[in-house]
Amino acid sequence: MHSILAMFGTTSTADAAWLVVGLLGQLMFTARFLVQWFASEKAGKSVVPVAFWYFSIVGGLIVLAYGIRKLEPVIILGQLPGVVIYSRNLWLIHKEKRDQPE
């Protein structure tokens, strides 16, 4: 097991834990696409369910935390704008629901 972890540059338990965190973030991104795909198949057209944005923001925040921990500027700069956009989309969705007459 130690040699497998070493292949991924993990030299400590903390490194191994952060590797798991990074992988969980990537799984969130995979889940968001599955949610979108299943919703589109069910509707018979392309749709983006609210769950897509929740998986996006959770995955983005986790991968951003991983990038910050690893001091990886490519990951940080790649995830930061997405987290802002995902947050904005969720805000707009909730604002629209709040503003709808009952």
PDB file of N, CA and C in Angstrom:
ATOM      1  N   MET A   1       0.831  -1.198   0.000  1.00  0.00           N
ATOM      2  CA  MET A   1       0.000   0.000   0.000  1.00  0.00           C
ATOM      3  C   MET A   1       0.869   1.253   0.000  1.00  0.00           C
ATOM      4  N   HIS A   2       1.954   1.208   0.750  1.00  0.00           N
ATOM      5  CA  HIS A   2       2.850   2.364   0.848  1.00  0.00           C
ATOM      6  C   HIS A   2       3.439   2.730  -0.515  1.00  0.00           C
ATOM      7  N   SER A   3       3.798   1.708  -1.312  1.00  0.00           N
ATOM      8  CA  SER A   3       4.380   1.986  -2.629  1.00  0.00           C
ATOM      9  C   SER A   3       3.344   2.591  -3.578  1.00  0.00           C
ATOM     10  N   ILE A   4       2.082   2.202  -3.430  1.00  0.00           N
ATOM     11  CA  ILE A   4       1.018   2.786  -4.261  1.00  0.00           C
ATOM     12  C   ILE A   4       0.854   4.264  -3.918  1.00  0.00           C
ATOM     13  N   LEU A   5       0.817   4.587  -2.627  1.00  0.00           N
ATOM     14  CA  LEU A   5       0.690   5.980  -2.211  1.00  0.00           C
ATOM     15  C   LEU A   5       1.896   6.801  -2.657  1.00  0.00           C
ATOM     16  N   ALA A   6       3.082   6.215  -2.609  1.00  0.00           N
ATOM     17  CA  ALA A   6       4.294   6.920  -3.035  1.00  0.00           C
ATOM     18  C   ALA A   6       4.227   7.279  -4.513  1.00  0.00           C
ATOM     19  N   MET A   7       3.557   6.449  -5.321  1.00  0.00           N
ATOM     20  CA  MET A   7       3.402   6.752  -6.747  1.00  0.00           C
ATOM     21  C   MET A   7       2.676   8.073  -6.950  1.00  0.00           C
ATOM     22  N   PHE A   8       1.803   8.429  -6.011  1.00  0.00           N
ATOM     23  CA  PHE A   8       1.023   9.659  -6.105  1.00  0.00           C
ATOM     24  C   PHE A   8       1.668  10.805  -5.335  1.00  0.00           C
ATOM     25  N   GLY A   9       2.911  10.636  -4.904  1.00  0.00           N
ATOM     26  CA  GLY A   9       3.633  11.704  -4.222  1.00  0.00           C
ATOM     27  C   GLY A   9       3.231  11.902  -2.779  1.00  0.00           C
ATOM     28  N   THR A  10       2.602  10.907  -2.190  1.00  0.00           N
ATOM     29  CA  THR A  10       2.225  11.022  -0.788  1.00  0.00           C
ATOM     30  C   THR A  10       3.359  10.494   0.071  1.00  0.00           C
ATOM     31  N   THR A  11       3.789  11.324   0.990  1.00  0.00           N
ATOM     32  CA  THR A  11       4.897  10.936   1.862  1.00  0.00           C
ATOM     33  C   THR A  11       4.471  10.890   3.326  1.00  0.00           C
ATOM     34  N   SER A  12       3.227  11.237   3.593  1.00  0.00           N
ATOM     35  CA  SER A  12       2.747  11.237   4.976  1.00  0.00           C
ATOM     36  C   SER A  12       1.261  10.896   4.994  1.00  0.00           C
ATOM     37  N   THR A  13       0.762  10.687   6.189  1.00  0.00           N
ATOM     38  CA  THR A  13      -0.666  10.433   6.360  1.00  0.00           C
ATOM     39  C   THR A  13      -1.478  11.646   5.921  1.00  0.00           C
ATOM     40  N   ALA A  14      -0.971  12.842   6.220  1.00  0.00           N
ATOM     41  CA  ALA A  14      -1.667  14.069   5.807  1.00  0.00           C
ATOM     42  C   ALA A  14      -1.747  14.150   4.287  1.00  0.00           C
ATOM     43  N   ASP A  15      -0.656  13.814   3.594  1.00  0.00           N
ATOM     44  CA  ASP A  15      -0.669  13.809   2.126  1.00  0.00           C
ATOM     45  C   ASP A  15      -1.696  12.811   1.596  1.00  0.00           C
ATOM     46  N   ALA A  16      -1.752  11.640   2.215  1.00  0.00           N
ATOM     47  CA  ALA A  16      -2.717  10.621   1.792  1.00  0.00           C
ATOM     48  C   ALA A  16      -4.141  11.113   2.017  1.00  0.00           C
ATOM     49  N   ALA A  17      -4.377  11.782   3.141  1.00  0.00           N
ATOM     50  CA  ALA A  17      -5.714  12.315   3.422  1.00  0.00           C
ATOM     51  C   ALA A  17      -6.091  13.372   2.389  1.00  0.00           C
ATOM     52  N   TRP A  18      -5.165  14.246   2.034  1.00  0.00           N
ATOM     53  CA  TRP A  18      -5.460  15.280   1.030  1.00  0.00           C
ATOM     54  C   TRP A  18      -5.664  14.676  -0.354  1.00  0.00           C
ATOM     55  N   LEU A  19      -4.974  13.581  -0.627  1.00  0.00           N
ATOM     56  CA  LEU A  19      -5.209  12.879  -1.894  1.00  0.00           C
ATOM     57  C   LEU A  19      -6.656  12.375  -1.939  1.00  0.00           C
ATOM     58  N   VAL A  20      -7.134  11.826  -0.848  1.00  0.00           N
ATOM     59  CA  VAL A  20      -8.521  11.365  -0.771  1.00  0.00           C
ATOM     60  C   VAL A  20      -9.477  12.545  -0.931  1.00  0.00           C
ATOM     61  N   VAL A  21      -9.169  13.682  -0.298  1.00  0.00           N
ATOM     62  CA  VAL A  21      -9.999  14.887  -0.425  1.00  0.00           C
ATOM     63  C   VAL A  21     -10.080  15.311  -1.894  1.00  0.00           C
ATOM     64  N   GLY A  22      -8.940  15.366  -2.562  1.00  0.00           N
ATOM     65  CA  GLY A  22      -8.925  15.740  -3.974  1.00  0.00           C
ATOM     66  C   GLY A  22      -9.741  14.784  -4.828  1.00  0.00           C
ATOM     67  N   LEU A  23      -9.626  13.500  -4.551  1.00  0.00           N
ATOM     68  CA  LEU A  23     -10.398  12.508  -5.300  1.00  0.00           C
ATOM     69  C   LEU A  23     -11.892  12.651  -5.032  1.00  0.00           C
ATOM     70  N   LEU A  24     -12.267  12.966  -3.797  1.00  0.00           N
ATOM     71  CA  LEU A  24     -13.686  13.194  -3.491  1.00  0.00           C
ATOM     72  C   LEU A  24     -14.221  14.393  -4.266  1.00  0.00           C
ATOM     73  N   GLY A  25     -13.416  15.439  -4.379  1.00  0.00           N
ATOM     74  CA  GLY A  25     -13.828  16.599  -5.175  1.00  0.00           C
ATOM     75  C   GLY A  25     -14.066  16.219  -6.624  1.00  0.00           C
ATOM     76  N   GLN A  26     -13.180  15.411  -7.163  1.00  0.00           N
ATOM     77  CA  GLN A  26     -13.348  14.969  -8.545  1.00  0.00           C
ATOM     78  C   GLN A  26     -14.597  14.099  -8.686  1.00  0.00           C
ATOM     79  N   LEU A  27     -14.902  13.296  -7.681  1.00  0.00           N
ATOM     80  CA  LEU A  27     -16.118  12.481  -7.720  1.00  0.00           C
ATOM     81  C   LEU A  27     -17.371  13.354  -7.731  1.00  0.00           C
ATOM     82  N   MET A  28     -17.327  14.496  -7.061  1.00  0.00           N
ATOM     83  CA  MET A  28     -18.459  15.432  -7.089  1.00  0.00           C
ATOM     84  C   MET A  28     -18.703  15.919  -8.521  1.00  0.00           C
ATOM     85  N   PHE A  29     -17.616  16.209  -9.237  1.00  0.00           N
ATOM     86  CA  PHE A  29     -17.771  16.641 -10.629  1.00  0.00           C
ATOM     87  C   PHE A  29     -18.340  15.533 -11.489  1.00  0.00           C
ATOM     88  N   THR A  30     -17.924  14.307 -11.256  1.00  0.00           N
ATOM     89  CA  THR A  30     -18.491  13.183 -11.989  1.00  0.00           C
ATOM     90  C   THR A  30     -19.975  13.052 -11.679  1.00  0.00           C
ATOM     91  N   ALA A  31     -20.328  13.182 -10.406  1.00  0.00           N
ATOM     92  CA  ALA A  31     -21.724  13.061  -9.991  1.00  0.00           C
ATOM     93  C   ALA A  31     -22.591  14.133 -10.643  1.00  0.00           C
ATOM     94  N   ARG A  32     -22.069  15.344 -10.779  1.00  0.00           N
ATOM     95  CA  ARG A  32     -22.885  16.415 -11.363  1.00  0.00           C
ATOM     96  C   ARG A  32     -23.230  16.102 -12.810  1.00  0.00           C
ATOM     97  N   PHE A  33     -22.307  15.524 -13.549  1.00  0.00           N
ATOM     98  CA  PHE A  33     -22.597  15.174 -14.929  1.00  0.00           C
ATOM     99  C   PHE A  33     -23.593  14.024 -15.009  1.00  0.00           C
ATOM    100  N   LEU A  34     -23.492  13.069 -14.092  1.00  0.00           N
ATOM    101  CA  LEU A  34     -24.459  11.973 -14.071  1.00  0.00           C
ATOM    102  C   LEU A  34     -25.857  12.496 -13.758  1.00  0.00           C
ATOM    103  N   VAL A  35     -25.955  13.417 -12.793  1.00  0.00           N
ATOM    104  CA  VAL A  35     -27.248  14.011 -12.440  1.00  0.00           C
ATOM    105  C   VAL A  35     -27.842  14.728 -13.649  1.00  0.00           C
ATOM    106  N   GLN A  36     -27.028  15.482 -14.352  1.00  0.00           N
ATOM    107  CA  GLN A  36     -27.501  16.226 -15.522  1.00  0.00           C
ATOM    108  C   GLN A  36     -27.919  15.268 -16.625  1.00  0.00           C
ATOM    109  N   TRP A  37     -27.143  14.257 -16.845  1.00  0.00           N
ATOM    110  CA  TRP A  37     -27.443  13.280 -17.895  1.00  0.00           C
ATOM    111  C   TRP A  37     -28.757  12.556 -17.602  1.00  0.00           C
ATOM    112  N   PHE A  38     -28.918  12.068 -16.374  1.00  0.00           N
ATOM    113  CA  PHE A  38     -30.151  11.350 -16.016  1.00  0.00           C
ATOM    114  C   PHE A  38     -31.370  12.259 -16.122  1.00  0.00           C
ATOM    115  N   ALA A  39     -31.237  13.510 -15.661  1.00  0.00           N
ATOM    116  CA  ALA A  39     -32.369  14.446 -15.746  1.00  0.00           C
ATOM    117  C   ALA A  39     -32.729  14.725 -17.199  1.00  0.00           C
ATOM    118  N   SER A  40     -31.727  14.869 -18.054  1.00  0.00           N
ATOM    119  CA  SER A  40     -31.978  15.119 -19.475  1.00  0.00           C
ATOM    120  C   SER A  40     -32.641  13.914 -20.137  1.00  0.00           C
ATOM    121  N   GLU A  41     -32.176  12.724 -19.808  1.00  0.00           N
ATOM    122  CA  GLU A  41     -32.777  11.517 -20.370  1.00  0.00           C
ATOM    123  C   GLU A  41     -34.239  11.400 -19.943  1.00  0.00           C
ATOM    124  N   LYS A  42     -34.497  11.691 -18.686  1.00  0.00           N
ATOM    125  CA  LYS A  42     -35.868  11.605 -18.166  1.00  0.00           C
ATOM    126  C   LYS A  42     -36.783  12.619 -18.856  1.00  0.00           C
ATOM    127  N   ALA A  43     -36.265  13.842 -19.085  1.00  0.00           N
ATOM    128  CA  ALA A  43     -37.060  14.902 -19.707  1.00  0.00           C
ATOM    129  C   ALA A  43     -37.124  14.776 -21.225  1.00  0.00           C
ATOM    130  N   GLY A  44     -36.211  14.018 -21.799  1.00  0.00           N
ATOM    131  CA  GLY A  44     -36.168  13.898 -23.253  1.00  0.00           C
ATOM    132  C   GLY A  44     -35.586  15.127 -23.930  1.00  0.00           C
ATOM    133  N   LYS A  45     -34.924  15.976 -23.163  1.00  0.00           N
ATOM    134  CA  LYS A  45     -34.251  17.167 -23.688  1.00  0.00           C
ATOM    135  C   LYS A  45     -33.161  17.567 -22.699  1.00  0.00           C
ATOM    136  N   SER A  46     -32.288  18.448 -23.126  1.00  0.00           N
ATOM    137  CA  SER A  46     -31.196  18.875 -22.257  1.00  0.00           C
ATOM    138  C   SER A  46     -31.717  19.796 -21.153  1.00  0.00           C
ATOM    139  N   VAL A  47     -31.501  19.386 -19.920  1.00  0.00           N
ATOM    140  CA  VAL A  47     -31.879  20.200 -18.765  1.00  0.00           C
ATOM    141  C   VAL A  47     -30.718  20.223 -17.772  1.00  0.00           C
ATOM    142  N   VAL A  48     -30.705  21.265 -16.950  1.00  0.00           N
ATOM    143  CA  VAL A  48     -29.685  21.380 -15.911  1.00  0.00           C
ATOM    144  C   VAL A  48     -30.421  21.498 -14.572  1.00  0.00           C
ATOM    145  N   PRO A  49     -30.496  20.401 -13.824  1.00  0.00           N
ATOM    146  CA  PRO A  49     -31.197  20.441 -12.542  1.00  0.00           C
ATOM    147  C   PRO A  49     -30.397  21.222 -11.491  1.00  0.00           C
ATOM    148  N   VAL A  50     -31.075  21.696 -10.473  1.00  0.00           N
ATOM    149  CA  VAL A  50     -30.418  22.460  -9.407  1.00  0.00           C
ATOM    150  C   VAL A  50     -29.315  21.628  -8.747  1.00  0.00           C
ATOM    151  N   ALA A  51     -29.536  20.322  -8.646  1.00  0.00           N
ATOM    152  CA  ALA A  51     -28.522  19.447  -8.035  1.00  0.00           C
ATOM    153  C   ALA A  51     -27.190  19.538  -8.769  1.00  0.00           C
ATOM    154  N   PHE A  52     -27.219  19.797 -10.073  1.00  0.00           N
ATOM    155  CA  PHE A  52     -25.988  19.968 -10.849  1.00  0.00           C
ATOM    156  C   PHE A  52     -25.132  21.078 -10.242  1.00  0.00           C
ATOM    157  N   TRP A  53     -25.777  22.195  -9.886  1.00  0.00           N
ATOM    158  CA  TRP A  53     -25.033  23.341  -9.348  1.00  0.00           C
ATOM    159  C   TRP A  53     -24.525  23.064  -7.940  1.00  0.00           C
ATOM    160  N   TYR A  54     -25.290  22.305  -7.153  1.00  0.00           N
ATOM    161  CA  TYR A  54     -24.808  21.941  -5.817  1.00  0.00           C
ATOM    162  C   TYR A  54     -23.589  21.020  -5.899  1.00  0.00           C
ATOM    163  N   PHE A  55     -23.656  20.015  -6.761  1.00  0.00           N
ATOM    164  CA  PHE A  55     -22.495  19.152  -6.945  1.00  0.00           C
ATOM    165  C   PHE A  55     -21.309  19.954  -7.484  1.00  0.00           C
ATOM    166  N   SER A  56     -21.577  20.907  -8.366  1.00  0.00           N
ATOM    167  CA  SER A  56     -20.515  21.748  -8.929  1.00  0.00           C
ATOM    168  C   SER A  56     -19.811  22.559  -7.849  1.00  0.00           C
ATOM    169  N   ILE A  57     -20.600  23.214  -6.994  1.00  0.00           N
ATOM    170  CA  ILE A  57     -19.985  24.064  -5.981  1.00  0.00           C
ATOM    171  C   ILE A  57     -19.256  23.239  -4.925  1.00  0.00           C
ATOM    172  N   VAL A  58     -19.846  22.119  -4.515  1.00  0.00           N
ATOM    173  CA  VAL A  58     -19.170  21.270  -3.524  1.00  0.00           C
ATOM    174  C   VAL A  58     -17.882  20.709  -4.113  1.00  0.00           C
ATOM    175  N   GLY A  59     -17.957  20.179  -5.325  1.00  0.00           N
ATOM    176  CA  GLY A  59     -16.753  19.662  -5.979  1.00  0.00           C
ATOM    177  C   GLY A  59     -15.715  20.744  -6.178  1.00  0.00           C
ATOM    178  N   GLY A  60     -16.154  21.939  -6.625  1.00  0.00           N
ATOM    179  CA  GLY A  60     -15.236  23.052  -6.845  1.00  0.00           C
ATOM    180  C   GLY A  60     -14.546  23.491  -5.570  1.00  0.00           C
ATOM    181  N   LEU A  61     -15.297  23.583  -4.481  1.00  0.00           N
ATOM    182  CA  LEU A  61     -14.710  23.995  -3.199  1.00  0.00           C
ATOM    183  C   LEU A  61     -13.724  22.959  -2.672  1.00  0.00           C
ATOM    184  N   ILE A  62     -14.066  21.678  -2.829  1.00  0.00           N
ATOM    185  CA  ILE A  62     -13.156  20.627  -2.368  1.00  0.00           C
ATOM    186  C   ILE A  62     -11.867  20.629  -3.182  1.00  0.00           C
ATOM    187  N   VAL A  63     -11.995  20.700  -4.504  1.00  0.00           N
ATOM    188  CA  VAL A  63     -10.796  20.699  -5.348  1.00  0.00           C
ATOM    189  C   VAL A  63     -10.002  21.995  -5.126  1.00  0.00           C
ATOM    190  N   LEU A  64     -10.686  23.111  -4.914  1.00  0.00           N
ATOM    191  CA  LEU A  64      -9.996  24.366  -4.600  1.00  0.00           C
ATOM    192  C   LEU A  64      -9.207  24.231  -3.305  1.00  0.00           C
ATOM    193  N   ALA A  65      -9.805  23.654  -2.273  1.00  0.00           N
ATOM    194  CA  ALA A  65      -9.100  23.431  -1.007  1.00  0.00           C
ATOM    195  C   ALA A  65      -7.877  22.547  -1.227  1.00  0.00           C
ATOM    196  N   TYR A  66      -8.039  21.509  -2.031  1.00  0.00           N
ATOM    197  CA  TYR A  66      -6.916  20.629  -2.361  1.00  0.00           C
ATOM    198  C   TYR A  66      -5.811  21.416  -3.061  1.00  0.00           C
ATOM    199  N   GLY A  67      -6.183  22.237  -4.042  1.00  0.00           N
ATOM    200  CA  GLY A  67      -5.194  23.036  -4.766  1.00  0.00           C
ATOM    201  C   GLY A  67      -4.472  24.014  -3.866  1.00  0.00           C
ATOM    202  N   ILE A  68      -5.204  24.625  -2.947  1.00  0.00           N
ATOM    203  CA  ILE A  68      -4.581  25.557  -1.998  1.00  0.00           C
ATOM    204  C   ILE A  68      -3.617  24.797  -1.089  1.00  0.00           C
ATOM    205  N   ARG A  69      -4.051  23.652  -0.587  1.00  0.00           N
ATOM    206  CA  ARG A  69      -3.196  22.843   0.291  1.00  0.00           C
ATOM    207  C   ARG A  69      -1.920  22.416  -0.414  1.00  0.00           C
ATOM    208  N   LYS A  70      -2.042  22.044  -1.684  1.00  0.00           N
ATOM    209  CA  LYS A  70      -0.884  21.583  -2.454  1.00  0.00           C
ATOM    210  C   LYS A  70      -0.121  22.733  -3.109  1.00  0.00           C
ATOM    211  N   LEU A  71      -0.634  23.965  -2.956  1.00  0.00           N
ATOM    212  CA  LEU A  71      -0.041  25.150  -3.585  1.00  0.00           C
ATOM    213  C   LEU A  71       0.112  24.957  -5.093  1.00  0.00           C
ATOM    214  N   GLU A  72      -0.978  24.515  -5.722  1.00  0.00           N
ATOM    215  CA  GLU A  72      -1.011  24.275  -7.166  1.00  0.00           C
ATOM    216  C   GLU A  72      -1.750  25.427  -7.839  1.00  0.00           C
ATOM    217  N   PRO A  73      -1.015  26.392  -8.416  1.00  0.00           N
ATOM    218  CA  PRO A  73      -1.679  27.551  -9.008  1.00  0.00           C
ATOM    219  C   PRO A  73      -2.611  27.204 -10.161  1.00  0.00           C
ATOM    220  N   VAL A  74      -2.325  26.166 -10.915  1.00  0.00           N
ATOM    221  CA  VAL A  74      -3.197  25.777 -12.029  1.00  0.00           C
ATOM    222  C   VAL A  74      -4.561  25.339 -11.491  1.00  0.00           C
ATOM    223  N   ILE A  75      -4.564  24.539 -10.443  1.00  0.00           N
ATOM    224  CA  ILE A  75      -5.828  24.091  -9.846  1.00  0.00           C
ATOM    225  C   ILE A  75      -6.562  25.267  -9.217  1.00  0.00           C
ATOM    226  N   ILE A  76      -5.842  26.096  -8.478  1.00  0.00           N
ATOM    227  CA  ILE A  76      -6.463  27.248  -7.814  1.00  0.00           C
ATOM    228  C   ILE A  76      -7.106  28.173  -8.837  1.00  0.00           C
ATOM    229  N   LEU A  77      -6.353  28.551  -9.856  1.00  0.00           N
ATOM    230  CA  LEU A  77      -6.885  29.465 -10.875  1.00  0.00           C
ATOM    231  C   LEU A  77      -7.965  28.815 -11.726  1.00  0.00           C
ATOM    232  N   GLY A  78      -7.921  27.506 -11.856  1.00  0.00           N
ATOM    233  CA  GLY A  78      -8.943  26.802 -12.624  1.00  0.00           C
ATOM    234  C   GLY A  78     -10.260  26.664 -11.869  1.00  0.00           C
ATOM    235  N   GLN A  79     -10.196  26.511 -10.554  1.00  0.00           N
ATOM    236  CA  GLN A  79     -11.396  26.279  -9.759  1.00  0.00           C
ATOM    237  C   GLN A  79     -12.042  27.554  -9.233  1.00  0.00           C
ATOM    238  N   LEU A  80     -11.262  28.562  -8.926  1.00  0.00           N
ATOM    239  CA  LEU A  80     -11.790  29.774  -8.303  1.00  0.00           C
ATOM    240  C   LEU A  80     -12.905  30.443  -9.115  1.00  0.00           C
ATOM    241  N   PRO A  81     -12.713  30.674 -10.424  1.00  0.00           N
ATOM    242  CA  PRO A  81     -13.810  31.293 -11.185  1.00  0.00           C
ATOM    243  C   PRO A  81     -15.063  30.418 -11.214  1.00  0.00           C
ATOM    244  N   GLY A  82     -14.883  29.108 -11.304  1.00  0.00           N
ATOM    245  CA  GLY A  82     -16.027  28.204 -11.338  1.00  0.00           C
ATOM    246  C   GLY A  82     -16.849  28.284 -10.068  1.00  0.00           C
ATOM    247  N   VAL A  83     -16.186  28.320  -8.924  1.00  0.00           N
ATOM    248  CA  VAL A  83     -16.895  28.405  -7.645  1.00  0.00           C
ATOM    249  C   VAL A  83     -17.734  29.677  -7.586  1.00  0.00           C
ATOM    250  N   VAL A  84     -17.189  30.775  -8.099  1.00  0.00           N
ATOM    251  CA  VAL A  84     -17.933  32.040  -8.128  1.00  0.00           C
ATOM    252  C   VAL A  84     -19.163  31.896  -9.038  1.00  0.00           C
ATOM    253  N   ILE A  85     -18.983  31.306 -10.208  1.00  0.00           N
ATOM    254  CA  ILE A  85     -20.082  31.151 -11.163  1.00  0.00           C
ATOM    255  C   ILE A  85     -21.142  30.195 -10.624  1.00  0.00           C
ATOM    256  N   TYR A  86     -20.729  29.082 -10.012  1.00  0.00           N
ATOM    257  CA  TYR A  86     -21.696  28.139  -9.449  1.00  0.00           C
ATOM    258  C   TYR A  86     -22.511  28.814  -8.348  1.00  0.00           C
ATOM    259  N   SER A  87     -21.834  29.596  -7.507  1.00  0.00           N
ATOM    260  CA  SER A  87     -22.524  30.319  -6.432  1.00  0.00           C
ATOM    261  C   SER A  87     -23.540  31.303  -7.005  1.00  0.00           C
ATOM    262  N   ARG A  88     -23.126  32.012  -8.032  1.00  0.00           N
ATOM    263  CA  ARG A  88     -24.024  32.987  -8.668  1.00  0.00           C
ATOM    264  C   ARG A  88     -25.244  32.286  -9.266  1.00  0.00           C
ATOM    265  N   ASN A  89     -25.045  31.161  -9.936  1.00  0.00           N
ATOM    266  CA  ASN A  89     -26.167  30.424 -10.511  1.00  0.00           C
ATOM    267  C   ASN A  89     -27.144  29.972  -9.429  1.00  0.00           C
ATOM    268  N   LEU A  90     -26.624  29.454  -8.327  1.00  0.00           N
ATOM    269  CA  LEU A  90     -27.507  29.048  -7.234  1.00  0.00           C
ATOM    270  C   LEU A  90     -28.251  30.242  -6.652  1.00  0.00           C
ATOM    271  N   TRP A  91     -27.570  31.361  -6.513  1.00  0.00           N
ATOM    272  CA  TRP A  91     -28.212  32.572  -6.004  1.00  0.00           C
ATOM    273  C   TRP A  91     -29.350  32.996  -6.934  1.00  0.00           C
ATOM    274  N   LEU A  92     -29.101  32.981  -8.240  1.00  0.00           N
ATOM    275  CA  LEU A  92     -30.130  33.359  -9.209  1.00  0.00           C
ATOM    276  C   LEU A  92     -31.318  32.399  -9.166  1.00  0.00           C
ATOM    277  N   ILE A  93     -31.053  31.115  -9.023  1.00  0.00           N
ATOM    278  CA  ILE A  93     -32.125  30.113  -8.952  1.00  0.00           C
ATOM    279  C   ILE A  93     -32.993  30.359  -7.717  1.00  0.00           C
ATOM    280  N   HIS A  94     -32.349  30.569  -6.579  1.00  0.00           N
ATOM    281  CA  HIS A  94     -33.108  30.792  -5.344  1.00  0.00           C
ATOM    282  C   HIS A  94     -33.838  32.136  -5.368  1.00  0.00           C
ATOM    283  N   LYS A  95     -33.243  33.140  -5.995  1.00  0.00           N
ATOM    284  CA  LYS A  95     -33.891  34.452  -6.131  1.00  0.00           C
ATOM    285  C   LYS A  95     -35.149  34.321  -6.992  1.00  0.00           C
ATOM    286  N   GLU A  96     -35.047  33.574  -8.079  1.00  0.00           N
ATOM    287  CA  GLU A  96     -36.201  33.375  -8.957  1.00  0.00           C
ATOM    288  C   GLU A  96     -37.337  32.663  -8.218  1.00  0.00           C
ATOM    289  N   LYS A  97     -37.009  31.643  -7.458  1.00  0.00           N
ATOM    290  CA  LYS A  97     -38.021  30.912  -6.696  1.00  0.00           C
ATOM    291  C   LYS A  97     -38.662  31.821  -5.647  1.00  0.00           C
ATOM    292  N   ARG A  98     -37.854  32.638  -4.998  1.00  0.00           N
ATOM    293  CA  ARG A  98     -38.353  33.539  -3.963  1.00  0.00           C
ATOM    294  C   ARG A  98     -39.264  34.602  -4.550  1.00  0.00           C
ATOM    295  N   ASP A  99     -38.936  35.080  -5.751  1.00  0.00           N
ATOM    296  CA  ASP A  99     -39.686  36.165  -6.383  1.00  0.00           C
ATOM    297  C   ASP A  99     -40.948  35.721  -7.118  1.00  0.00           C
ATOM    298  N   GLN A 100     -41.149  34.422  -7.295  1.00  0.00           N
ATOM    299  CA  GLN A 100     -42.320  33.913  -8.001  1.00  0.00           C
ATOM    300  C   GLN A 100     -43.568  34.118  -7.147  1.00  0.00           C
ATOM    301  N   PRO A 101     -44.636  34.608  -7.768  1.00  0.00           N
ATOM    302  CA  PRO A 101     -45.876  34.730  -7.009  1.00  0.00           C
ATOM    303  C   PRO A 101     -46.440  33.368  -6.676  1.00  0.00           C
ATOM    304  N   GLU A 102     -47.082  33.284  -5.545  1.00  0.00           N
ATOM    305  CA  GLU A 102     -47.639  31.990  -5.119  1.00  0.00           C
ATOM    306  C   GLU A 102     -49.032  31.794  -5.595  1.00  0.00           C
TER     307      GLU A 102
END
